[in-house]
All heavy atoms as atom14 arrays in JSON, in Angstrom:
{
  "sequence": "HDKMFLDHVTNRTIEISLGKIYDFNKPFSKFKIHREELREQQLAAQK",
  "atom14_mask": [
    [1, 1, 1, 1, 1, 1, 1, 1, 1, 1, 0, 0, 0, 0],
    [1, 1, 1, 1, 1, 1, 1, 1, 0, 0, 0, 0, 0, 0],
    [1, 1, 1, 1, 1, 1, 1, 1, 1, 0, 0, 0, 0, 0],
    [1, 1, 1, 1, 1, 1, 1, 1, 0, 0, 0, 0, 0, 0],
    [1, 1, 1, 1, 1, 1, 1, 1, 1, 1, 1, 0, 0, 0],
    [1, 1, 1, 1, 1, 1, 1, 1, 0, 0, 0, 0, 0, 0],
    [1, 1, 1, 1, 1, 1, 1, 1, 0, 0, 0, 0, 0, 0],
    [1, 1, 1, 1, 1, 1, 1, 1, 1, 1, 0, 0, 0, 0],
    [1, 1, 1, 1, 1, 1, 1, 0, 0, 0, 0, 0, 0, 0],
    [1, 1, 1, 1, 1, 1, 1, 0, 0, 0, 0, 0, 0, 0],
    [1, 1, 1, 1, 1, 1, 1, 1, 0, 0, 0, 0, 0, 0],
    [1, 1, 1, 1, 1, 1, 1, 1, 1, 1, 1, 0, 0, 0],
    [1, 1, 1, 1, 1, 1, 1, 0, 0, 0, 0, 0, 0, 0],
    [1, 1, 1, 1, 1, 1, 1, 1, 0, 0, 0, 0, 0, 0],
    [1, 1, 1, 1, 1, 1, 1, 1, 1, 0, 0, 0, 0, 0],
    [1, 1, 1, 1, 1, 1, 1, 1, 0, 0, 0, 0, 0, 0],
    [1, 1, 1, 1, 1, 1, 0, 0, 0, 0, 0, 0, 0, 0],
    [1, 1, 1, 1, 1, 1, 1, 1, 0, 0, 0, 0, 0, 0],
    [1, 1, 1, 1, 0, 0, 0, 0, 0, 0, 0, 0, 0, 0],
    [1, 1, 1, 1, 1, 1, 1, 1, 1, 0, 0, 0, 0, 0],
    [1, 1, 1, 1, 1, 1, 1, 1, 0, 0, 0, 0, 0, 0],
    [1, 1, 1, 1, 1, 1, 1, 1, 1, 1, 1, 1, 0, 0],
    [1, 1, 1, 1, 1, 1, 1, 1, 0, 0, 0, 0, 0, 0],
    [1, 1, 1, 1, 1, 1, 1, 1, 1, 1, 1, 0, 0, 0],
    [1, 1, 1, 1, 1, 1, 1, 1, 0, 0, 0, 0, 0, 0],
    [1, 1, 1, 1, 1, 1, 1, 1, 1, 0, 0, 0, 0, 0],
    [1, 1, 1, 1, 1, 1, 1, 0, 0, 0, 0, 0, 0, 0],
    [1, 1, 1, 1, 1, 1, 1, 1, 1, 1, 1, 0, 0, 0],
    [1, 1, 1, 1, 1, 1, 0, 0, 0, 0, 0, 0, 0, 0],
    [1, 1, 1, 1, 1, 1, 1, 1, 1, 0, 0, 0, 0, 0],
    [1, 1, 1, 1, 1, 1, 1, 1, 1, 1, 1, 0, 0, 0],
    [1, 1, 1, 1, 1, 1, 1, 1, 1, 0, 0, 0, 0, 0],
    [1, 1, 1, 1, 1, 1, 1, 1, 0, 0, 0, 0, 0, 0],
    [1, 1, 1, 1, 1, 1, 1, 1, 1, 1, 0, 0, 0, 0],
    [1, 1, 1, 1, 1, 1, 1, 1, 1, 1, 1, 0, 0, 0],
    [1, 1, 1, 1, 1, 1, 1, 1, 1, 0, 0, 0, 0, 0],
    [1, 1, 1, 1, 1, 1, 1, 1, 1, 0, 0, 0, 0, 0],
    [1, 1, 1, 1, 1, 1, 1, 1, 0, 0, 0, 0, 0, 0],
    [1, 1, 1, 1, 1, 1, 1, 1, 1, 1, 1, 0, 0, 0],
    [1, 1, 1, 1, 1, 1, 1, 1, 1, 0, 0, 0, 0, 0],
    [1, 1, 1, 1, 1, 1, 1, 1, 1, 0, 0, 0, 0, 0],
    [1, 1, 1, 1, 1, 1, 1, 1, 1, 0, 0, 0, 0, 0],
    [1, 1, 1, 1, 1, 1, 1, 1, 0, 0, 0, 0, 0, 0],
    [1, 1, 1, 1, 1, 0, 0, 0, 0, 0, 0, 0, 0, 0],
    [1, 1, 1, 1, 1, 0, 0, 0, 0, 0, 0, 0, 0, 0],
    [1, 1, 1, 1, 1, 1, 1, 1, 1, 0, 0, 0, 0, 0],
    [1, 1, 1, 1, 1, 1, 1, 1, 1, 0, 0, 0, 0, 0]
  ],
  "atom14_positions": [
    [[-46.98, -119.94, -35.83], [-47.42, -120.85, -34.79], [-48.88, -120.61, -34.43], [-49.36, -121.12, -33.43], [-46.54, -120.69, -33.54], [-45.08, -120.98, -33.78], [-44.66, -122.18, -34.33], [-43.95, -120.23, -33.59], [-43.34, -122.15, -34.43], [-42.89, -120.99, -33.99], [0.0, 0.0, 0.0], [0.0, 0.0, 0.0], [0.0, 0.0, 0.0], [0.0, 0.0, 0.0]],
    [[-49.56, -119.84, -35.27], [-50.98, -119.55, -35.09], [-51.76, -120.55, -35.94], [-51.92, -120.38, -37.14], [-51.28, -118.11, -35.53], [-52.74, -117.7, -35.26], [-53.59, -118.62, -35.13], [-53.01, -116.5, -35.19], [0.0, 0.0, 0.0], [0.0, 0.0, 0.0], [0.0, 0.0, 0.0], [0.0, 0.0, 0.0], [0.0, 0.0, 0.0], [0.0, 0.0, 0.0]],
    [[-52.25, -121.63, -35.31], [-52.87, -122.7, -36.09], [-54.19, -122.26, -36.73], [-54.54, -122.76, -37.81], [-53.06, -123.96, -35.25], [-54.08, -123.88, -34.14], [-54.15, -125.23, -33.42], [-55.24, -125.24, -32.35], [-55.3, -126.54, -31.64], [0.0, 0.0, 0.0], [0.0, 0.0, 0.0], [0.0, 0.0, 0.0], [0.0, 0.0, 0.0], [0.0, 0.0, 0.0]],
    [[-54.93, -121.33, -36.08], [-56.14, -120.81, -36.71], [-55.8, -120.09, -38.02], [-56.45, -120.25, -39.03], [-56.87, -119.85, -35.76], [-57.76, -120.52, -34.74], [-58.76, -119.29, -33.9], [-59.77, -120.37, -32.89], [0.0, 0.0, 0.0], [0.0, 0.0, 0.0], [0.0, 0.0, 0.0], [0.0, 0.0, 0.0], [0.0, 0.0, 0.0], [0.0, 0.0, 0.0]],
    [[-54.76, -119.25, -37.95], [-54.31, -118.51, -39.12], [-53.9, -119.48, -40.23], [-54.28, -119.3, -41.4], [-53.14, -117.61, -38.73], [-52.55, -116.82, -39.86], [-53.24, -115.76, -40.42], [-51.3, -117.14, -40.35], [-52.68, -115.03, -41.46], [-50.73, -116.43, -41.39], [-51.43, -115.35, -41.94], [0.0, 0.0, 0.0], [0.0, 0.0, 0.0], [0.0, 0.0, 0.0]],
    [[-53.15, -120.51, -39.88], [-52.71, -121.5, -40.87], [-53.9, -122.23, -41.48], [-53.95, -122.48, -42.69], [-51.74, -122.49, -40.23], [-50.37, -121.95, -39.85], [-49.56, -123.0, -39.08], [-49.58, -121.5, -41.07], [0.0, 0.0, 0.0], [0.0, 0.0, 0.0], [0.0, 0.0, 0.0], [0.0, 0.0, 0.0], [0.0, 0.0, 0.0], [0.0, 0.0, 0.0]],
    [[-54.87, -122.61, -40.65], [-56.04, -123.33, -41.15], [-56.87, -122.46, -42.09], [-57.44, -122.95, -43.06], [-56.91, -123.81, -39.99], [-56.4, -125.1, -39.38], [-55.65, -125.82, -40.07], [-56.73, -125.4, -38.22], [0.0, 0.0, 0.0], [0.0, 0.0, 0.0], [0.0, 0.0, 0.0], [0.0, 0.0, 0.0], [0.0, 0.0, 0.0], [0.0, 0.0, 0.0]],
    [[-56.92, -121.16, -41.81], [-57.73, -120.25, -42.63], [-57.05, -119.91, -43.94], [-57.72, -119.51, -44.9], [-58.01, -118.96, -41.87], [-58.95, -119.15, -40.73], [-59.19, -118.17, -39.79], [-59.73, -120.2, -40.37], [-60.06, -118.61, -38.91], [-60.4, -119.84, -39.23], [0.0, 0.0, 0.0], [0.0, 0.0, 0.0], [0.0, 0.0, 0.0], [0.0, 0.0, 0.0]],
    [[-55.72, -120.06, -44.02], [-54.98, -119.58, -45.19], [-54.39, -120.69, -46.04], [-54.5, -120.67, -47.27], [-53.86, -118.59, -44.76], [-52.99, -118.21, -45.94], [-54.46, -117.35, -44.11], [0.0, 0.0, 0.0], [0.0, 0.0, 0.0], [0.0, 0.0, 0.0], [0.0, 0.0, 0.0], [0.0, 0.0, 0.0], [0.0, 0.0, 0.0], [0.0, 0.0, 0.0]],
    [[-53.74, -121.67, -45.41], [-52.9, -122.61, -46.18], [-53.68, -123.74, -46.81], [-54.75, -124.14, -46.35], [-51.8, -123.2, -45.28], [-52.41, -123.95, -44.21], [-50.93, -122.1, -44.68], [0.0, 0.0, 0.0], [0.0, 0.0, 0.0], [0.0, 0.0, 0.0], [0.0, 0.0, 0.0], [0.0, 0.0, 0.0], [0.0, 0.0, 0.0], [0.0, 0.0, 0.0]],
    [[-53.12, -124.28, -47.89], [-53.65, -125.49, -48.53], [-52.59, -126.59, -48.62], [-52.81, -127.62, -49.25], [-54.22, -125.17, -49.92], [-53.23, -124.44, -50.8], [-52.01, -124.52, -50.62], [-53.74, -123.67, -51.77], [0.0, 0.0, 0.0], [0.0, 0.0, 0.0], [0.0, 0.0, 0.0], [0.0, 0.0, 0.0], [0.0, 0.0, 0.0], [0.0, 0.0, 0.0]],
    [[-51.44, -126.34, -48.0], [-50.34, -127.32, -48.0], [-49.5, -127.06, -46.76], [-49.38, -125.92, -46.31], [-49.51, -127.16, -49.27], [-48.27, -128.06, -49.37], [-47.55, -127.79, -50.66], [-46.21, -128.35, -50.7], [-45.27, -128.0, -51.59], [-45.53, -127.11, -52.53], [-44.07, -128.55, -51.54], [0.0, 0.0, 0.0], [0.0, 0.0, 0.0], [0.0, 0.0, 0.0]],
    [[-48.93, -128.12, -46.21], [-48.11, -127.99, -45.0], [-46.8, -128.76, -45.17], [-46.79, -129.89, -45.62], [-48.85, -128.53, -43.76], [-50.09, -127.84, -43.62], [-48.03, -128.32, -42.5], [0.0, 0.0, 0.0], [0.0, 0.0, 0.0], [0.0, 0.0, 0.0], [0.0, 0.0, 0.0], [0.0, 0.0, 0.0], [0.0, 0.0, 0.0], [0.0, 0.0, 0.0]],
    [[-45.7, -128.09, -44.81], [-44.39, -128.73, -44.77], [-43.88, -128.61, -43.33], [-43.78, -127.52, -42.8], [-43.38, -128.05, -45.73], [-43.86, -128.19, -47.19], [-42.0, -128.67, -45.57], [-42.96, -127.47, -48.18], [0.0, 0.0, 0.0], [0.0, 0.0, 0.0], [0.0, 0.0, 0.0], [0.0, 0.0, 0.0], [0.0, 0.0, 0.0], [0.0, 0.0, 0.0]],
    [[-43.59, -129.75, -42.73], [-43.06, -129.76, -41.36], [-41.58, -130.11, -41.38], [-41.18, -131.08, -42.03], [-43.81, -130.75, -40.48], [-43.3, -130.77, -39.05], [-44.04, -131.76, -38.16], [-44.81, -132.59, -38.67], [-43.85, -131.7, -36.94], [0.0, 0.0, 0.0], [0.0, 0.0, 0.0], [0.0, 0.0, 0.0], [0.0, 0.0, 0.0], [0.0, 0.0, 0.0]],
    [[-40.77, -129.33, -40.66], [-39.37, -129.68, -40.46], [-39.24, -130.32, -39.09], [-39.61, -129.72, -38.08], [-38.46, -128.44, -40.53], [-38.61, -127.69, -41.85], [-37.0, -128.83, -40.33], [-37.73, -126.46, -41.98], [0.0, 0.0, 0.0], [0.0, 0.0, 0.0], [0.0, 0.0, 0.0], [0.0, 0.0, 0.0], [0.0, 0.0, 0.0], [0.0, 0.0, 0.0]],
    [[-38.74, -131.54, -39.05], [-38.59, -132.25, -37.78], [-37.32, -133.1, -37.83], [-37.19, -133.97, -38.7], [-39.82, -133.14, -37.52], [-39.66, -133.86, -36.31], [0.0, 0.0, 0.0], [0.0, 0.0, 0.0], [0.0, 0.0, 0.0], [0.0, 0.0, 0.0], [0.0, 0.0, 0.0], [0.0, 0.0, 0.0], [0.0, 0.0, 0.0], [0.0, 0.0, 0.0]],
    [[-36.42, -132.81, -36.91], [-35.16, -133.58, -36.79], [-34.43, -133.69, -38.11], [-33.92, -134.75, -38.48], [-35.48, -134.97, -36.22], [-36.19, -134.98, -34.88], [-36.6, -136.39, -34.49], [-35.3, -134.38, -33.8], [0.0, 0.0, 0.0], [0.0, 0.0, 0.0], [0.0, 0.0, 0.0], [0.0, 0.0, 0.0], [0.0, 0.0, 0.0], [0.0, 0.0, 0.0]],
    [[-34.36, -132.57, -38.85], [-33.59, -132.51, -40.09], [-34.29, -133.02, -41.32], [-33.77, -132.89, -42.43], [0.0, 0.0, 0.0], [0.0, 0.0, 0.0], [0.0, 0.0, 0.0], [0.0, 0.0, 0.0], [0.0, 0.0, 0.0], [0.0, 0.0, 0.0], [0.0, 0.0, 0.0], [0.0, 0.0, 0.0], [0.0, 0.0, 0.0], [0.0, 0.0, 0.0]],
    [[-35.5, -133.59, -41.17], [-36.26, -134.08, -42.32], [-37.48, -133.19, -42.54], [-37.84, -132.38, -41.69], [-36.72, -135.52, -42.08], [-35.6, -136.53, -41.92], [-36.18, -137.92, -41.69], [-35.08, -138.96, -41.5], [-35.65, -140.32, -41.26], [0.0, 0.0, 0.0], [0.0, 0.0, 0.0], [0.0, 0.0, 0.0], [0.0, 0.0, 0.0], [0.0, 0.0, 0.0]],
    [[-38.13, -133.35, -43.72], [-39.37, -132.63, -43.95], [-40.48, -133.62, -44.29], [-40.24, -134.69, -44.85], [-39.25, -131.58, -45.07], [-38.97, -132.23, -46.44], [-38.21, -130.54, -44.74], [-39.16, -131.26, -47.6], [0.0, 0.0, 0.0], [0.0, 0.0, 0.0], [0.0, 0.0, 0.0], [0.0, 0.0, 0.0], [0.0, 0.0, 0.0], [0.0, 0.0, 0.0]],
    [[-41.7, -133.23, -43.94], [-42.9, -134.02, -44.24], [-43.87, -133.07, -44.93], [-44.25, -132.05, -44.38], [-43.49, -134.59, -42.94], [-42.5, -135.45, -42.19], [-41.64, -134.87, -41.25], [-42.37, -136.8, -42.47], [-40.71, -135.64, -40.58], [-41.43, -137.57, -41.8], [-40.61, -136.99, -40.87], [-39.66, -137.76, -40.21], [0.0, 0.0, 0.0], [0.0, 0.0, 0.0]],
    [[-44.21, -133.42, -46.16], [-44.89, -132.49, -47.06], [-46.2, -133.1, -47.57], [-46.19, -134.13, -48.24], [-43.94, -132.19, -48.24], [-44.47, -131.14, -49.19], [-45.61, -130.68, -49.0], [-43.75, -130.78, -50.13], [0.0, 0.0, 0.0], [0.0, 0.0, 0.0], [0.0, 0.0, 0.0], [0.0, 0.0, 0.0], [0.0, 0.0, 0.0], [0.0, 0.0, 0.0]],
    [[-47.34, -132.45, -47.24], [-48.65, -132.95, -47.7], [-49.52, -131.77, -48.11], [-49.46, -130.68, -47.51], [-49.35, -133.75, -46.6], [-48.62, -135.0, -46.21], [-47.87, -135.04, -45.04], [-48.66, -136.13, -47.0], [-47.19, -136.19, -44.67], [-47.97, -137.28, -46.64], [-47.24, -137.31, -45.48], [0.0, 0.0, 0.0], [0.0, 0.0, 0.0], [0.0, 0.0, 0.0]],
    [[-50.39, -131.99, -49.1], [-51.3, -130.96, -49.59], [-52.52, -130.85, -48.68], [-53.65, -131.15, -49.08], [-51.73, -131.25, -51.03], [-50.57, -131.06, -52.0], [-49.78, -130.14, -51.86], [-50.47, -131.94, -52.99], [0.0, 0.0, 0.0], [0.0, 0.0, 0.0], [0.0, 0.0, 0.0], [0.0, 0.0, 0.0], [0.0, 0.0, 0.0], [0.0, 0.0, 0.0]],
    [[-52.28, -130.42, -47.46], [-53.37, -130.28, -46.47], [-53.07, -129.09, -45.59], [-51.91, -128.82, -45.27], [-53.49, -131.54, -45.61], [-53.88, -132.8, -46.38], [-53.94, -134.0, -45.46], [-54.25, -135.28, -46.23], [-55.58, -135.25, -46.84], [0.0, 0.0, 0.0], [0.0, 0.0, 0.0], [0.0, 0.0, 0.0], [0.0, 0.0, 0.0], [0.0, 0.0, 0.0]],
    [[-54.12, -128.35, -45.14], [-53.89, -127.31, -44.14], [-53.46, -127.91, -42.82], [-53.56, -129.13, -42.62], [-55.26, -126.61, -44.03], [-56.25, -127.61, -44.51], [-55.54, -128.44, -45.54], [0.0, 0.0, 0.0], [0.0, 0.0, 0.0], [0.0, 0.0, 0.0], [0.0, 0.0, 0.0], [0.0, 0.0, 0.0], [0.0, 0.0, 0.0], [0.0, 0.0, 0.0]],
    [[-53.06, -127.08, -41.89], [-52.37, -127.54, -40.68], [-53.1, -128.64, -39.92], [-52.55, -129.71, -39.67], [-52.11, -126.36, -39.75], [-51.56, -126.76, -38.41], [-50.25, -127.13, -38.27], [-52.39, -126.82, -37.3], [-49.75, -127.52, -37.04], [-51.9, -127.22, -36.07], [-50.57, -127.56, -35.94], [0.0, 0.0, 0.0], [0.0, 0.0, 0.0], [0.0, 0.0, 0.0]],
    [[-54.37, -128.4, -39.53], [-55.09, -129.36, -38.67], [-55.25, -130.7, -39.37], [-55.05, -131.76, -38.76], [-56.46, -128.79, -38.27], [-56.3, -127.7, -37.4], [0.0, 0.0, 0.0], [0.0, 0.0, 0.0], [0.0, 0.0, 0.0], [0.0, 0.0, 0.0], [0.0, 0.0, 0.0], [0.0, 0.0, 0.0], [0.0, 0.0, 0.0], [0.0, 0.0, 0.0]],
    [[-55.61, -130.69, -40.65], [-55.76, -131.94, -41.41], [-54.41, -132.62, -41.61], [-54.32, -133.86, -41.6], [-56.42, -131.66, -42.75], [-57.88, -131.23, -42.64], [-58.5, -131.01, -44.01], [-59.96, -130.61, -43.87], [-60.58, -130.35, -45.21], [0.0, 0.0, 0.0], [0.0, 0.0, 0.0], [0.0, 0.0, 0.0], [0.0, 0.0, 0.0], [0.0, 0.0, 0.0]],
    [[-53.36, -131.81, -41.75], [-52.0, -132.36, -41.88], [-51.61, -133.13, -40.62], [-51.08, -134.24, -40.69], [-51.02, -131.22, -42.14], [-49.57, -131.59, -41.99], [-48.86, -132.14, -43.05], [-48.89, -131.4, -40.78], [-47.53, -132.48, -42.91], [-47.56, -131.75, -40.64], [-46.87, -132.29, -41.72], [0.0, 0.0, 0.0], [0.0, 0.0, 0.0], [0.0, 0.0, 0.0]],
    [[-51.88, -132.55, -39.44], [-51.51, -133.2, -38.19], [-52.25, -134.51, -38.0], [-51.69, -135.5, -37.54], [-51.8, -132.26, -37.0], [-50.98, -130.98, -37.0], [-49.5, -131.22, -36.96], [-49.01, -131.63, -35.59], [-47.53, -131.76, -35.54], [0.0, 0.0, 0.0], [0.0, 0.0, 0.0], [0.0, 0.0, 0.0], [0.0, 0.0, 0.0], [0.0, 0.0, 0.0]],
    [[-53.53, -134.52, -38.38], [-54.31, -135.77, -38.3], [-53.73, -136.81, -39.24], [-53.56, -137.99, -38.88], [-55.79, -135.49, -38.64], [-56.43, -134.61, -37.56], [-56.56, -136.79, -38.79], [-57.8, -134.11, -37.91], [0.0, 0.0, 0.0], [0.0, 0.0, 0.0], [0.0, 0.0, 0.0], [0.0, 0.0, 0.0], [0.0, 0.0, 0.0], [0.0, 0.0, 0.0]],
    [[-53.41, -136.38, -40.47], [-52.86, -137.3, -41.48], [-51.51, -137.85, -41.03], [-51.23, -139.05, -41.23], [-52.72, -136.55, -42.81], [-52.29, -137.41, -43.95], [-53.05, -138.47, -44.41], [-51.18, -137.38, -44.74], [-52.42, -139.06, -45.42], [-51.28, -138.41, -45.63], [0.0, 0.0, 0.0], [0.0, 0.0, 0.0], [0.0, 0.0, 0.0], [0.0, 0.0, 0.0]],
    [[-50.68, -136.98, -40.45], [-49.35, -137.42, -39.98], [-49.49, -138.49, -38.9], [-48.77, -139.48, -38.89], [-48.58, -136.23, -39.43], [-47.92, -135.38, -40.48], [-46.51, -135.81, -40.8], [-45.57, -135.3, -39.83], [-44.65, -136.03, -39.21], [-44.59, -137.32, -39.42], [-43.81, -135.48, -38.37], [0.0, 0.0, 0.0], [0.0, 0.0, 0.0], [0.0, 0.0, 0.0]],
    [[-50.44, -138.32, -38.0], [-50.65, -139.28, -36.94], [-51.18, -140.6, -37.49], [-50.78, -141.68, -37.05], [-51.62, -138.7, -35.9], [-51.75, -139.53, -34.63], [-50.43, -139.77, -33.92], [-49.58, -138.83, -33.93], [-50.24, -140.86, -33.37], [0.0, 0.0, 0.0], [0.0, 0.0, 0.0], [0.0, 0.0, 0.0], [0.0, 0.0, 0.0], [0.0, 0.0, 0.0]],
    [[-52.09, -140.51, -38.47], [-52.62, -141.72, -39.1], [-51.5, -142.5, -39.81], [-51.45, -143.74, -39.72], [-53.72, -141.36, -40.11], [-55.01, -140.88, -39.45], [-56.03, -140.4, -40.47], [-55.63, -140.21, -41.64], [-57.19, -140.19, -40.09], [0.0, 0.0, 0.0], [0.0, 0.0, 0.0], [0.0, 0.0, 0.0], [0.0, 0.0, 0.0], [0.0, 0.0, 0.0]],
    [[-50.62, -141.78, -40.49], [-49.5, -142.43, -41.18], [-48.58, -143.13, -40.18], [-48.11, -144.24, -40.42], [-48.7, -141.42, -42.0], [-49.31, -140.92, -43.31], [-48.39, -139.89, -43.95], [-49.51, -142.1, -44.28], [0.0, 0.0, 0.0], [0.0, 0.0, 0.0], [0.0, 0.0, 0.0], [0.0, 0.0, 0.0], [0.0, 0.0, 0.0], [0.0, 0.0, 0.0]],
    [[-48.33, -142.48, -39.06], [-47.46, -143.06, -38.04], [-48.09, -144.34, -37.47], [-47.38, -145.34, -37.27], [-47.2, -142.04, -36.93], [-46.34, -142.58, -35.82], [-45.96, -141.51, -34.82], [-45.34, -142.11, -33.64], [-44.07, -142.54, -33.6], [-43.3, -142.41, -34.67], [-43.58, -143.07, -32.5], [0.0, 0.0, 0.0], [0.0, 0.0, 0.0], [0.0, 0.0, 0.0]],
    [[-49.4, -144.32, -37.23], [-50.08, -145.51, -36.73], [-50.01, -146.65, -37.74], [-49.84, -147.81, -37.38], [-51.55, -145.15, -36.42], [-51.7, -144.27, -35.18], [-53.13, -143.84, -34.94], [-53.99, -144.24, -35.76], [-53.38, -143.1, -33.97], [0.0, 0.0, 0.0], [0.0, 0.0, 0.0], [0.0, 0.0, 0.0], [0.0, 0.0, 0.0], [0.0, 0.0, 0.0]],
    [[-50.16, -146.3, -39.03], [-50.05, -147.32, -40.07], [-48.63, -147.89, -40.11], [-48.45, -149.11, -40.29], [-50.41, -146.71, -41.43], [-51.89, -146.36, -41.58], [-52.17, -145.58, -42.84], [-51.31, -145.42, -43.7], [-53.39, -145.06, -42.95], [0.0, 0.0, 0.0], [0.0, 0.0, 0.0], [0.0, 0.0, 0.0], [0.0, 0.0, 0.0], [0.0, 0.0, 0.0]],
    [[-47.63, -147.01, -39.96], [-46.24, -147.47, -39.95], [-45.99, -148.42, -38.77], [-45.32, -149.45, -38.94], [-45.29, -146.26, -39.84], [-45.15, -145.47, -41.12], [-44.22, -144.27, -40.92], [-44.15, -143.7, -39.84], [-43.5, -143.91, -41.98], [0.0, 0.0, 0.0], [0.0, 0.0, 0.0], [0.0, 0.0, 0.0], [0.0, 0.0, 0.0], [0.0, 0.0, 0.0]],
    [[-46.51, -148.06, -37.6], [-46.33, -148.91, -36.42], [-46.97, -150.27, -36.61], [-46.39, -151.31, -36.25], [-46.92, -148.21, -35.18], [-46.13, -147.03, -34.62], [-46.97, -146.26, -33.6], [-44.84, -147.52, -33.97], [0.0, 0.0, 0.0], [0.0, 0.0, 0.0], [0.0, 0.0, 0.0], [0.0, 0.0, 0.0], [0.0, 0.0, 0.0], [0.0, 0.0, 0.0]],
    [[-48.2, -150.27, -37.21], [-48.9, -151.54, -37.45], [-48.13, -152.4, -38.45], [-47.97, -153.62, -38.26], [-50.32, -151.26, -37.95], [0.0, 0.0, 0.0], [0.0, 0.0, 0.0], [0.0, 0.0, 0.0], [0.0, 0.0, 0.0], [0.0, 0.0, 0.0], [0.0, 0.0, 0.0], [0.0, 0.0, 0.0], [0.0, 0.0, 0.0], [0.0, 0.0, 0.0]],
    [[-47.64, -151.75, -39.54], [-46.89, -152.48, -40.56], [-45.58, -153.01, -40.0], [-45.16, -154.13, -40.29], [-46.62, -151.57, -41.76], [0.0, 0.0, 0.0], [0.0, 0.0, 0.0], [0.0, 0.0, 0.0], [0.0, 0.0, 0.0], [0.0, 0.0, 0.0], [0.0, 0.0, 0.0], [0.0, 0.0, 0.0], [0.0, 0.0, 0.0], [0.0, 0.0, 0.0]],
    [[-44.93, -152.2, -39.15], [-43.68, -152.63, -38.53], [-43.89, -153.83, -37.61], [-43.09, -154.77, -37.59], [-43.08, -151.46, -37.75], [-41.68, -151.76, -37.17], [-41.21, -150.65, -36.25], [-41.89, -150.27, -35.31], [-40.02, -150.1, -36.54], [0.0, 0.0, 0.0], [0.0, 0.0, 0.0], [0.0, 0.0, 0.0], [0.0, 0.0, 0.0], [0.0, 0.0, 0.0]],
    [[-45.01, -153.8, -36.86], [-45.31, -154.91, -35.95], [-45.57, -156.19, -36.73], [-45.08, -157.27, -36.36], [-46.54, -154.54, -35.11], [-46.86, -155.58, -34.05], [-48.04, -155.13, -33.18], [-48.35, -156.17, -32.12], [-49.5, -155.75, -31.27], [0.0, 0.0, 0.0], [0.0, 0.0, 0.0], [0.0, 0.0, 0.0], [0.0, 0.0, 0.0], [0.0, 0.0, 0.0]]
  ]
}
């Protein structure tokens, strides 16, 4: 849960949320930005 540590070390992030996983080749901070962008795109496409 140390995001600085994750940003300094990782090159890929897998998130477990509500029984599913979301997997992208990005360190933590970039992954969170990408996940939010994808959600906004999904909302726009759904609308």
